[in-house]
Amino acid sequence: MFQQIISIVFPVFGIVLAGYLYGRKHLPDMAAANKINIDIFVPALIFSVLSGKNFEISDFYSMIAGAAFVVLVSGVLAWPIVRLMHWDSKTFLPPVMFTNSGNMGLPLALFAFGEQALPAAVLLFIVENTLHFTVGMKMMDRQASLLAIFRLPMLLATIAGLAVSTWHIHIPAILARPIDMLGQIAIPLMLFSLGVRLLSVNYKDWQISVAAALLTPLTGVALALAYLMVFSMPQEQIPLFILFGALPPAVLNFMVAEKFNQEPEKVASIVMIGNLASIVIIPTVLFFVL
């Protein structure tokens, strides 16, 4: 079991480490690479997975509802702590709610459960991102327009992929292969970029950062287990769903905080320390779900 867990987490954290070491030496500006990844490679991955012949959206209804439940209710559970500690809710709640289902969730699903788990992992990623760009944006700015989400390449790729799968549209290999190749770039680039981001960790905000690093997987896993006690889900989706609850805060939280000038340095500290803590938390959760 130990060797199995190492074989799962080492490729993930190995690429993150490579990004960190390269970043220390060369200080690359990853902004352009991240934008290309979000606009091209990730949408290509989503479309490639969702348009697969064996994909049926009806198989994942319970998991999709469960993911929304975990994301939204985790914010409710974290609210009393915000009030007790007198922290800014716009700084603390989004990292607890919106987790790293892209940078870490997708590769973990691939290495832990194989390519057959990618459709479920992609749907979890889509649910989390959609809520982040709707509920998350409204948390930051009540005047934020929700119509902007319909211009996101990831959402457009989701709609296109589901349409192809539902109506059994044949995509010629001459188009499907390059789309698939573009999608294969997304996961390693996500991990490498995360490693570079670790250079910006600010340890002066360690109290709020450690609290978020522990509370995020704690509430996520607890809510996932609570959901499974009430609602049924296909057996093969359960381990991935629990793992989804254990993921650390998403790097996107820092980008959103920077956009709205919402204590971005503190949010960066929360995100990065949360991701560092996952080096221990993720293998522990994998031990139980496997």
Foldseek 3Di string as FASTA:
>chain_A
DVVLLCQLCCVLVVLLQVLQVVCVVPVDDCPVVVVCLQQAQQLLLLLLLLLDQPDDVVQCPLLLVLLLQLLVVLLVVCVVVCVVVVHDSLQQRQQLRQFALFQPVQSSCCSNPNPVCNNVSLSSVVSSVLCCLPVVVCSLPVPDDSVVVVVGSNVVSNVNSNVSNVVVPDDDPVPSVVSNVSNVVNHSSSSSVNSSLLVLADCPLVVSLVVSLVSNLVSLLVSLVVSVVPDPHPPVCSLSSSLSSRGGGHPVSLVSCVVSVPPSSNSSNNRNVSNVVCVPRNSVSSVVSD
